[in-house]
Amino acid sequence: MAHARKLLHTRYRLNDLEKTVRFYREVLGLEEVRRHKSPRGSELVFLKAPESEELIELCYFPSSGPVVVQADLTHLAFEVDSLEEFGRHLTSLGLRYSDGPTMRPDGGGFAFIDAPEGYEIELIQRPR
């Protein structure tokens, strides 16, 4: 039986490619893997988290119109070692959590930060 083998990447289309690439690199520590122009003219940048195989594809394609992200449409979730430590990292960059952290008795928890253009990032701390 035919089936999908694995998730390769998730695409987010943007109005300002470089601003978002900077955010993912500086705030989240993602690595830029490659960038190129698609056959139809989209500018594409692929990023990955250090311990992930899956990529995030950021796409700039202005001829298809402006991107407007409605509230709570989608988010990417990343694991962090410590929400407290990541919160200090955010503060050093002049940023803060938009929601949380919400901690559970088992030591796990989650928080959200606002990424550029209305996208949201969830950060998850695994239980002890």
Foldseek 3Di string as FASTA:
>chain_A
DDDDDDAAEAEDEAQDVVLQVCCCCQLVVWDWDDWDADPVGWTWIWTDDPPDRHIYIYTYDCVVDHDADDAPPDAEEEEDQDPVVSQVSQVVVVFHFPADQDADPQGKTKTKGAGPRNYIYMYIHDGD
